[in-house]
């Protein structure tokens, strides 16, 4: 009787471990996808790719010039 109980307990604990492992693998895949999307978003929306009127570095440079000429 005790041997059957140990087998059942082992099977249930193995199921839980397998489920947790699958959850962590999915989380890792999700994080890799998010990382790729953020990299792509950064590359496509980088200041160098923006039109001159939307480039934040040019706005800062213009303000600095404005303050220096006062």
PDB file of N, CA and C in Angstrom:
ATOM      1  N   UNK A   1       0.819  -1.186   0.000  1.00  0.00           N
ATOM      2  CA  UNK A   1       0.000   0.000   0.000  1.00  0.00           C
ATOM      3  C   UNK A   1       0.867   1.255   0.000  1.00  0.00           C
ATOM      4  N   UNK A   2       1.892   1.276   0.815  1.00  0.00           N
ATOM      5  CA  UNK A   2       2.774   2.435   0.891  1.00  0.00           C
ATOM      6  C   UNK A   2       3.515   2.646  -0.419  1.00  0.00           C
ATOM      7  N   UNK A   3       3.853   1.561  -1.100  1.00  0.00           N
ATOM      8  CA  UNK A   3       4.550   1.656  -2.385  1.00  0.00           C
ATOM      9  C   UNK A   3       3.658   2.319  -3.438  1.00  0.00           C
ATOM     10  N   UNK A   4       2.385   2.007  -3.450  1.00  0.00           N
ATOM     11  CA  UNK A   4       1.444   2.615  -4.401  1.00  0.00           C
ATOM     12  C   UNK A   4       1.316   4.114  -4.108  1.00  0.00           C
ATOM     13  N   UNK A   5       1.218   4.447  -2.821  1.00  0.00           N
ATOM     14  CA  UNK A   5       1.115   5.846  -2.443  1.00  0.00           C
ATOM     15  C   UNK A   5       2.349   6.621  -2.910  1.00  0.00           C
ATOM     16  N   UNK A   6       3.529   6.071  -2.748  1.00  0.00           N
ATOM     17  CA  UNK A   6       4.770   6.725  -3.181  1.00  0.00           C
ATOM     18  C   UNK A   6       4.794   6.905  -4.694  1.00  0.00           C
ATOM     19  N   UNK A   7       4.319   5.928  -5.429  1.00  0.00           N
ATOM     20  CA  UNK A   7       4.282   6.036  -6.900  1.00  0.00           C
ATOM     21  C   UNK A   7       3.320   7.135  -7.342  1.00  0.00           C
ATOM     22  N   UNK A   8       2.163   7.178  -6.706  1.00  0.00           N
ATOM     23  CA  UNK A   8       1.179   8.219  -7.042  1.00  0.00           C
ATOM     24  C   UNK A   8       1.743   9.597  -6.707  1.00  0.00           C
ATOM     25  N   UNK A   9       2.342   9.732  -5.551  1.00  0.00           N
ATOM     26  CA  UNK A   9       2.921  11.007  -5.142  1.00  0.00           C
ATOM     27  C   UNK A   9       4.031  11.429  -6.097  1.00  0.00           C
ATOM     28  N   UNK A  10       4.862  10.500  -6.498  1.00  0.00           N
ATOM     29  CA  UNK A  10       5.939  10.795  -7.436  1.00  0.00           C
ATOM     30  C   UNK A  10       5.375  11.222  -8.786  1.00  0.00           C
ATOM     31  N   UNK A  11       4.348  10.541  -9.266  1.00  0.00           N
ATOM     32  CA  UNK A  11       3.738  10.882 -10.549  1.00  0.00           C
ATOM     33  C   UNK A  11       3.121  12.274 -10.505  1.00  0.00           C
ATOM     34  N   UNK A  12       2.445  12.589  -9.414  1.00  0.00           N
ATOM     35  CA  UNK A  12       1.833  13.914  -9.281  1.00  0.00           C
ATOM     36  C   UNK A  12       2.897  15.001  -9.190  1.00  0.00           C
ATOM     37  N   UNK A  13       3.946  14.755  -8.423  1.00  0.00           N
ATOM     38  CA  UNK A  13       4.995  15.771  -8.308  1.00  0.00           C
ATOM     39  C   UNK A  13       5.725  15.947  -9.632  1.00  0.00           C
ATOM     40  N   UNK A  14       5.903  14.877 -10.399  1.00  0.00           N
ATOM     41  CA  UNK A  14       6.547  14.984 -11.706  1.00  0.00           C
ATOM     42  C   UNK A  14       5.672  15.795 -12.657  1.00  0.00           C
ATOM     43  N   UNK A  15       4.364  15.609 -12.569  1.00  0.00           N
ATOM     44  CA  UNK A  15       3.425  16.388 -13.391  1.00  0.00           C
ATOM     45  C   UNK A  15       3.547  17.880 -13.078  1.00  0.00           C
ATOM     46  N   UNK A  16       3.622  18.205 -11.784  1.00  0.00           N
ATOM     47  CA  UNK A  16       3.735  19.609 -11.371  1.00  0.00           C
ATOM     48  C   UNK A  16       5.059  20.197 -11.854  1.00  0.00           C
ATOM     49  N   UNK A  17       6.131  19.438 -11.728  1.00  0.00           N
ATOM     50  CA  UNK A  17       7.446  19.909 -12.181  1.00  0.00           C
ATOM     51  C   UNK A  17       7.429  20.136 -13.693  1.00  0.00           C
ATOM     52  N   UNK A  18       6.850  19.217 -14.443  1.00  0.00           N
ATOM     53  CA  UNK A  18       6.766  19.371 -15.896  1.00  0.00           C
ATOM     54  C   UNK A  18       5.941  20.597 -16.285  1.00  0.00           C
ATOM     55  N   UNK A  19       4.864  20.815 -15.561  1.00  0.00           N
ATOM     56  CA  UNK A  19       4.010  21.974 -15.843  1.00  0.00           C
ATOM     57  C   UNK A  19       4.765  23.277 -15.558  1.00  0.00           C
ATOM     58  N   UNK A  20       5.472  23.333 -14.433  1.00  0.00           N
ATOM     59  CA  UNK A  20       6.262  24.523 -14.105  1.00  0.00           C
ATOM     60  C   UNK A  20       7.360  24.761 -15.144  1.00  0.00           C
ATOM     61  N   UNK A  21       8.003  23.703 -15.570  1.00  0.00           N
ATOM     62  CA  UNK A  21       9.047  23.834 -16.580  1.00  0.00           C
ATOM     63  C   UNK A  21       8.470  24.395 -17.885  1.00  0.00           C
ATOM     64  N   UNK A  22       7.304  23.916 -18.276  1.00  0.00           N
ATOM     65  CA  UNK A  22       6.655  24.422 -19.487  1.00  0.00           C
ATOM     66  C   UNK A  22       6.291  25.902 -19.335  1.00  0.00           C
ATOM     67  N   UNK A  23       5.842  26.294 -18.155  1.00  0.00           N
ATOM     68  CA  UNK A  23       5.500  27.697 -17.917  1.00  0.00           C
ATOM     69  C   UNK A  23       6.737  28.592 -18.024  1.00  0.00           C
ATOM     70  N   UNK A  24       7.864  28.144 -17.469  1.00  0.00           N
ATOM     71  CA  UNK A  24       9.087  28.928 -17.558  1.00  0.00           C
ATOM     72  C   UNK A  24       9.600  28.997 -18.994  1.00  0.00           C
ATOM     73  N   UNK A  25       9.474  27.911 -19.743  1.00  0.00           N
ATOM     74  CA  UNK A  25       9.894  27.929 -21.141  1.00  0.00           C
ATOM     75  C   UNK A  25       9.041  28.912 -21.935  1.00  0.00           C
ATOM     76  N   UNK A  26       7.744  28.932 -21.684  1.00  0.00           N
ATOM     77  CA  UNK A  26       6.865  29.869 -22.375  1.00  0.00           C
ATOM     78  C   UNK A  26       7.221  31.296 -22.004  1.00  0.00           C
ATOM     79  N   UNK A  27       7.500  31.539 -20.738  1.00  0.00           N
ATOM     80  CA  UNK A  27       7.883  32.882 -20.303  1.00  0.00           C
ATOM     81  C   UNK A  27       9.175  33.327 -20.986  1.00  0.00           C
ATOM     82  N   UNK A  28      10.108  32.404 -21.146  1.00  0.00           N
ATOM     83  CA  UNK A  28      11.364  32.738 -21.812  1.00  0.00           C
ATOM     84  C   UNK A  28      11.122  33.083 -23.277  1.00  0.00           C
ATOM     85  N   UNK A  29      10.290  32.324 -23.949  1.00  0.00           N
ATOM     86  CA  UNK A  29       9.957  32.606 -25.343  1.00  0.00           C
ATOM     87  C   UNK A  29       9.250  33.952 -25.459  1.00  0.00           C
ATOM     88  N   UNK A  30       8.335  34.226 -24.547  1.00  0.00           N
ATOM     89  CA  UNK A  30       7.630  35.517 -24.547  1.00  0.00           C
ATOM     90  C   UNK A  30       8.608  36.676 -24.361  1.00  0.00           C
ATOM     91  N   UNK A  31       9.556  36.518 -23.438  1.00  0.00           N
ATOM     92  CA  UNK A  31      10.543  37.585 -23.202  1.00  0.00           C
ATOM     93  C   UNK A  31      11.433  37.797 -24.429  1.00  0.00           C
ATOM     94  N   UNK A  32      11.816  36.732 -25.104  1.00  0.00           N
ATOM     95  CA  UNK A  32      12.620  36.863 -26.315  1.00  0.00           C
ATOM     96  C   UNK A  32      11.840  37.595 -27.402  1.00  0.00           C
ATOM     97  N   UNK A  33      10.549  37.298 -27.526  1.00  0.00           N
ATOM     98  CA  UNK A  33       9.707  37.981 -28.505  1.00  0.00           C
ATOM     99  C   UNK A  33       9.606  39.475 -28.183  1.00  0.00           C
ATOM    100  N   UNK A  34       9.389  39.789 -26.910  1.00  0.00           N
ATOM    101  CA  UNK A  34       9.285  41.194 -26.497  1.00  0.00           C
ATOM    102  C   UNK A  34      10.606  41.917 -26.773  1.00  0.00           C
ATOM    103  N   UNK A  35      11.715  41.256 -26.476  1.00  0.00           N
ATOM    104  CA  UNK A  35      13.027  41.869 -26.729  1.00  0.00           C
ATOM    105  C   UNK A  35      13.209  42.174 -28.212  1.00  0.00           C
ATOM    106  N   UNK A  36      12.837  41.234 -29.075  1.00  0.00           N
ATOM    107  CA  UNK A  36      12.964  41.454 -30.520  1.00  0.00           C
ATOM    108  C   UNK A  36      12.060  42.596 -30.977  1.00  0.00           C
ATOM    109  N   UNK A  37      10.839  42.656 -30.438  1.00  0.00           N
ATOM    110  CA  UNK A  37       9.922  43.730 -30.818  1.00  0.00           C
ATOM    111  C   UNK A  37      10.450  45.091 -30.363  1.00  0.00           C
ATOM    112  N   UNK A  38      11.016  45.157 -29.158  1.00  0.00           N
ATOM    113  CA  UNK A  38      11.570  46.415 -28.667  1.00  0.00           C
ATOM    114  C   UNK A  38      12.771  46.854 -29.499  1.00  0.00           C
ATOM    115  N   UNK A  39      13.617  45.903 -29.869  1.00  0.00           N
ATOM    116  CA  UNK A  39      14.762  46.244 -30.725  1.00  0.00           C
ATOM    117  C   UNK A  39      14.289  46.779 -32.067  1.00  0.00           C
ATOM    118  N   UNK A  40      13.317  46.104 -32.658  1.00  0.00           N
ATOM    119  CA  UNK A  40      12.780  46.545 -33.946  1.00  0.00           C
ATOM    120  C   UNK A  40      12.150  47.921 -33.816  1.00  0.00           C
ATOM    121  N   UNK A  41      11.382  48.137 -32.765  1.00  0.00           N
ATOM    122  CA  UNK A  41      10.748  49.424 -32.541  1.00  0.00           C
ATOM    123  C   UNK A  41      11.799  50.519 -32.346  1.00  0.00           C
ATOM    124  N   UNK A  42      12.845  50.201 -31.606  1.00  0.00           N
ATOM    125  CA  UNK A  42      13.906  51.174 -31.388  1.00  0.00           C
ATOM    126  C   UNK A  42      14.609  51.517 -32.690  1.00  0.00           C
ATOM    127  N   UNK A  43      14.904  50.501 -33.500  1.00  0.00           N
ATOM    128  CA  UNK A  43      15.609  50.747 -34.752  1.00  0.00           C
ATOM    129  C   UNK A  43      14.762  51.536 -35.742  1.00  0.00           C
ATOM    130  N   UNK A  44      13.471  51.260 -35.785  1.00  0.00           N
ATOM    131  CA  UNK A  44      12.620  51.959 -36.743  1.00  0.00           C
ATOM    132  C   UNK A  44      12.233  53.345 -36.256  1.00  0.00           C
ATOM    133  N   UNK A  45      12.269  53.589 -34.948  1.00  0.00           N
ATOM    134  CA  UNK A  45      11.880  54.890 -34.408  1.00  0.00           C
ATOM    135  C   UNK A  45      13.055  55.651 -33.805  1.00  0.00           C
ATOM    136  N   UNK A  46      14.277  55.264 -34.169  1.00  0.00           N
ATOM    137  CA  UNK A  46      15.454  55.947 -33.648  1.00  0.00           C
ATOM    138  C   UNK A  46      15.473  57.391 -34.146  1.00  0.00           C
ATOM    139  N   UNK A  47      16.067  58.310 -33.374  1.00  0.00           N
ATOM    140  CA  UNK A  47      16.080  59.715 -33.775  1.00  0.00           C
ATOM    141  C   UNK A  47      16.670  59.942 -35.171  1.00  0.00           C
ATOM    142  N   UNK A  48      17.630  59.170 -35.583  1.00  0.00           N
ATOM    143  CA  UNK A  48      18.223  59.336 -36.906  1.00  0.00           C
ATOM    144  C   UNK A  48      17.264  58.989 -38.031  1.00  0.00           C
ATOM    145  N   UNK A  49      16.255  58.192 -37.756  1.00  0.00           N
ATOM    146  CA  UNK A  49      15.287  57.793 -38.772  1.00  0.00           C
ATOM    147  C   UNK A  49      14.089  58.727 -38.835  1.00  0.00           C
ATOM    148  N   UNK A  50      13.982  59.633 -37.884  1.00  0.00           N
ATOM    149  CA  UNK A  50      12.832  60.540 -37.842  1.00  0.00           C
ATOM    150  C   UNK A  50      13.053  61.714 -38.788  1.00  0.00           C
ATOM    151  N   UNK A  51      11.987  62.296 -39.296  1.00  0.00           N
ATOM    152  CA  UNK A  51      12.149  63.518 -40.090  1.00  0.00           C
ATOM    153  C   UNK A  51      12.781  64.612 -39.235  1.00  0.00           C
ATOM    154  N   UNK A  52      13.481  65.556 -39.835  1.00  0.00           N
ATOM    155  CA  UNK A  52      14.192  66.584 -39.055  1.00  0.00           C
ATOM    156  C   UNK A  52      13.305  67.327 -38.068  1.00  0.00           C
ATOM    157  N   UNK A  53      12.051  67.565 -38.398  1.00  0.00           N
ATOM    158  CA  UNK A  53      11.184  68.302 -37.482  1.00  0.00           C
ATOM    159  C   UNK A  53      10.832  67.493 -36.241  1.00  0.00           C
ATOM    160  N   UNK A  54      10.963  66.164 -36.326  1.00  0.00           N
ATOM    161  CA  UNK A  54      10.623  65.317 -35.188  1.00  0.00           C
ATOM    162  C   UNK A  54      11.852  64.793 -34.464  1.00  0.00           C
ATOM    163  N   UNK A  55      13.044  65.121 -34.947  1.00  0.00           N
ATOM    164  CA  UNK A  55      14.265  64.611 -34.337  1.00  0.00           C
ATOM    165  C   UNK A  55      14.512  65.341 -33.023  1.00  0.00           C
ATOM    166  N   UNK A  56      14.425  64.666 -31.865  1.00  0.00           N
ATOM    167  CA  UNK A  56      14.568  65.340 -30.568  1.00  0.00           C
ATOM    168  C   UNK A  56      15.950  65.943 -30.367  1.00  0.00           C
ATOM    169  N   UNK A  57      16.990  65.371 -30.974  1.00  0.00           N
ATOM    170  CA  UNK A  57      18.330  65.922 -30.809  1.00  0.00           C
ATOM    171  C   UNK A  57      18.447  67.283 -31.483  1.00  0.00           C
ATOM    172  N   UNK A  58      17.798  67.449 -32.610  1.00  0.00           N
ATOM    173  CA  UNK A  58      17.838  68.741 -33.286  1.00  0.00           C
ATOM    174  C   UNK A  58      17.097  69.797 -32.464  1.00  0.00           C
ATOM    175  N   UNK A  59      16.014  69.424 -31.833  1.00  0.00           N
ATOM    176  CA  UNK A  59      15.278  70.380 -30.997  1.00  0.00           C
ATOM    177  C   UNK A  59      16.148  70.840 -29.839  1.00  0.00           C
ATOM    178  N   UNK A  60      16.853  69.910 -29.205  1.00  0.00           N
ATOM    179  CA  UNK A  60      17.732  70.263 -28.091  1.00  0.00           C
ATOM    180  C   UNK A  60      18.861  71.150 -28.590  1.00  0.00           C
ATOM    181  N   UNK A  61      19.457  70.800 -29.726  1.00  0.00           N
ATOM    182  CA  UNK A  61      20.540  71.605 -30.285  1.00  0.00           C
ATOM    183  C   UNK A  61      20.075  73.015 -30.601  1.00  0.00           C
ATOM    184  N   UNK A  62      18.873  73.167 -31.139  1.00  0.00           N
ATOM    185  CA  UNK A  62      18.328  74.483 -31.450  1.00  0.00           C
ATOM    186  C   UNK A  62      18.117  75.316 -30.200  1.00  0.00           C
ATOM    187  N   UNK A  63      17.645  74.707 -29.140  1.00  0.00           N
ATOM    188  CA  UNK A  63      17.435  75.417 -27.881  1.00  0.00           C
ATOM    189  C   UNK A  63      18.771  75.848 -27.282  1.00  0.00           C
ATOM    190  N   UNK A  64      19.748  74.961 -27.364  1.00  0.00           N
ATOM    191  CA  UNK A  64      21.067  75.288 -26.820  1.00  0.00           C
ATOM    192  C   UNK A  64      21.641  76.486 -27.574  1.00  0.00           C
ATOM    193  N   UNK A  65      21.473  76.487 -28.882  1.00  0.00           N
ATOM    194  CA  UNK A  65      21.962  77.608 -29.686  1.00  0.00           C
ATOM    195  C   UNK A  65      21.228  78.893 -29.296  1.00  0.00           C
ATOM    196  N   UNK A  66      19.926  78.769 -29.076  1.00  0.00           N
ATOM    197  CA  UNK A  66      19.124  79.929 -28.707  1.00  0.00           C
ATOM    198  C   UNK A  66      19.612  80.511 -27.374  1.00  0.00           C
ATOM    199  N   UNK A  67      19.934  79.664 -26.407  1.00  0.00           N
ATOM    200  CA  UNK A  67      20.407  80.137 -25.110  1.00  0.00           C
ATOM    201  C   UNK A  67      21.819  80.726 -25.205  1.00  0.00           C
ATOM    202  N   UNK A  68      22.633  80.181 -26.091  1.00  0.00           N
ATOM    203  CA  UNK A  68      24.005  80.670 -26.217  1.00  0.00           C
ATOM    204  C   UNK A  68      24.065  82.035 -26.877  1.00  0.00           C
ATOM    205  N   UNK A  69      23.081  82.406 -27.688  1.00  0.00           N
ATOM    206  CA  UNK A  69      23.107  83.678 -28.392  1.00  0.00           C
ATOM    207  C   UNK A  69      22.510  84.811 -27.580  1.00  0.00           C
ATOM    208  N   UNK A  70      21.964  84.533 -26.429  1.00  0.00           N
ATOM    209  CA  UNK A  70      21.356  85.588 -25.592  1.00  0.00           C
ATOM    210  C   UNK A  70      22.395  86.429 -24.923  1.00  0.00           C
TER     211      UNK A  70
END
